[in-house]
C-alpha atoms as a PDB file:
ATOM      1  CA  MET A   1     112.399 129.464 104.334  1.00  0.00           C
ATOM      2  CA  THR A   2     113.425 128.118 108.001  1.00  0.00           C
ATOM      3  CA  LYS A   3     113.022 124.260 108.158  1.00  0.00           C
ATOM      4  CA  ILE A   4     109.661 124.070 109.832  1.00  0.00           C
ATOM      5  CA  GLU A   5     108.624 126.876 106.696  1.00  0.00           C
ATOM      6  CA  GLU A   6     109.477 124.563 104.151  1.00  0.00           C
ATOM      7  CA  LEU A   7     108.062 121.273 106.619  1.00  0.00           C
ATOM      8  CA  GLU A   8     104.471 123.568 106.860  1.00  0.00           C
ATOM      9  CA  ALA A   9     104.173 124.072 103.375  1.00  0.00           C
ATOM     10  CA  ARG A  10     104.837 120.536 101.848  1.00  0.00           C
ATOM     11  CA  ILE A  11     101.972 119.423 104.769  1.00  0.00           C
ATOM     12  CA  LEU A  12     100.108 122.048 103.379  1.00  0.00           C
ATOM     13  CA  ARG A  13     100.171 120.225  99.610  1.00  0.00           C
ATOM     14  CA  LEU A  14      99.793 116.964 100.423  1.00  0.00           C
ATOM     15  CA  GLU A  15      96.839 117.948 102.498  1.00  0.00           C
ATOM     16  CA  GLU A  16      95.648 119.418  99.087  1.00  0.00           C
ATOM     17  CA  ALA A  17      96.522 117.041  96.742  1.00  0.00           C
ATOM     18  CA  VAL A  18      94.810 114.478  99.537  1.00  0.00           C
ATOM     19  CA  GLY A  19      92.067 116.374  99.695  1.00  0.00           C
ATOM     20  CA  VAL A  20      91.123 115.987  96.317  1.00  0.00           C
ATOM     21  CA  PHE A  21      91.098 111.980  96.227  1.00  0.00           C
ATOM     22  CA  LYS A  22      88.234 112.441  98.985  1.00  0.00           C
ATOM     23  CA  LYS A  23      86.096 114.795  96.778  1.00  0.00           C
ATOM     24  CA  SER A  24      85.887 112.545  94.397  1.00  0.00           C
ATOM     25  CA  ASP A  25      82.812 110.636  94.572  1.00  0.00           C
ATOM     26  CA  LYS A  26      83.192 106.706  94.091  1.00  0.00           C
ATOM     27  CA  SER A  27      80.123 105.680  95.805  1.00  0.00           C
ATOM     28  CA  ASP A  28      78.833 105.362  91.361  1.00  0.00           C
ATOM     29  CA  TRP A  29      81.586 103.488  89.486  1.00  0.00           C
ATOM     30  CA  LEU A  30      79.096 100.783  88.808  1.00  0.00           C
ATOM     31  CA  GLU A  31      76.257 102.783  87.257  1.00  0.00           C
ATOM     32  CA  LYS A  32      79.318 104.269  85.374  1.00  0.00           C
ATOM     33  CA  THR A  33      80.998 101.174  84.392  1.00  0.00           C
ATOM     34  CA  ALA A  34      77.877  98.415  83.568  1.00  0.00           C
ATOM     35  CA  GLY A  35      77.456  97.608  80.428  1.00  0.00           C
ATOM     36  CA  ILE A  36      80.873  99.474  78.906  1.00  0.00           C
ATOM     37  CA  PHE A  37      81.956  95.773  77.024  1.00  0.00           C
ATOM     38  CA  ALA A  38      78.391  95.020  75.852  1.00  0.00           C
ATOM     39  CA  ASP A  39      78.094  93.690  72.388  1.00  0.00           C
ATOM     40  CA  ASP A  40      82.339  94.321  72.376  1.00  0.00           C
ATOM     41  CA  PRO A  41      83.942  91.133  70.906  1.00  0.00           C
ATOM     42  CA  ALA A  42      87.325  90.695  72.216  1.00  0.00           C
ATOM     43  CA  PHE A  43      85.132  91.241  75.595  1.00  0.00           C
ATOM     44  CA  GLU A  44      83.556  87.798  75.008  1.00  0.00           C
ATOM     45  CA  GLU A  45      86.176  86.281  73.700  1.00  0.00           C
ATOM     46  CA  ILE A  46      88.081  87.333  77.076  1.00  0.00           C
ATOM     47  CA  ALA A  47      85.016  85.704  78.580  1.00  0.00           C
ATOM     48  CA  ARG A  48      85.124  82.483  76.731  1.00  0.00           C
ATOM     49  CA  LEU A  49      88.836  81.725  77.743  1.00  0.00           C
ATOM     50  CA  GLY A  50      88.395  81.846  81.318  1.00  0.00           C
ATOM     51  CA  ARG A  51      85.251  79.959  81.061  1.00  0.00           C
ATOM     52  CA  GLU A  52      87.418  77.791  79.270  1.00  0.00           C
ATOM     53  CA  TYR A  53      90.039  78.092  81.481  1.00  0.00           C
ATOM     54  CA  ARG A  54      87.816  78.063  84.756  1.00  0.00           C
ATOM     55  CA  LYS A  55      86.458  74.306  83.542  1.00  0.00           C
ATOM     56  CA  ASN A  56      89.771  72.627  82.718  1.00  0.00           C
ATOM     57  CA  TYR A  57      91.675  73.897  85.834  1.00  0.00           C
ATOM     58  CA  ASP A  58      88.094  72.056  87.352  1.00  0.00           C
ATOM     59  CA  GLU A  59      88.974  68.918  85.730  1.00  0.00           C
ATOM     60  CA  GLN A  60      92.770  68.625  86.814  1.00  0.00           C
ATOM     61  CA  PRO A  61      93.575  66.142  89.549  1.00  0.00           C
ATOM     62  CA  GLU A  62      94.110  67.456  92.935  1.00  0.00           C
ATOM     63  CA  ARG A  63      97.819  67.899  93.263  1.00  0.00           C
ATOM     64  CA  ASP A  64     101.125  68.890  95.781  1.00  0.00           C
ATOM     65  CA  ASP A  65     101.558  72.456  95.295  1.00  0.00           C
ATOM     66  CA  LYS A  66     105.200  71.843  97.125  1.00  0.00           C
ATOM     67  CA  SER A  67     106.207  69.222  95.274  1.00  0.00           C
ATOM     68  CA  GLU A  68     106.163  71.101  91.464  1.00  0.00           C
ATOM     69  CA  ARG A  69     107.650  73.637  92.554  1.00  0.00           C
ATOM     70  CA  GLN A  70     110.797  71.336  93.134  1.00  0.00           C
END
């Protein structure tokens, strides 16, 4: 197999691989994932901790990030 034929074969394999991604339907991802964590205690805990973190972060006084890094 010549170098050109080898490159053509590699390009063909890449095009086939990319074609798989192009064919996948990503338009309905929201419908597929909406509600998957309903009534999940672990997710409820994650959401609670996120709210707690944001509340505490918002209550902190403004700080100069540059002085904190030194």
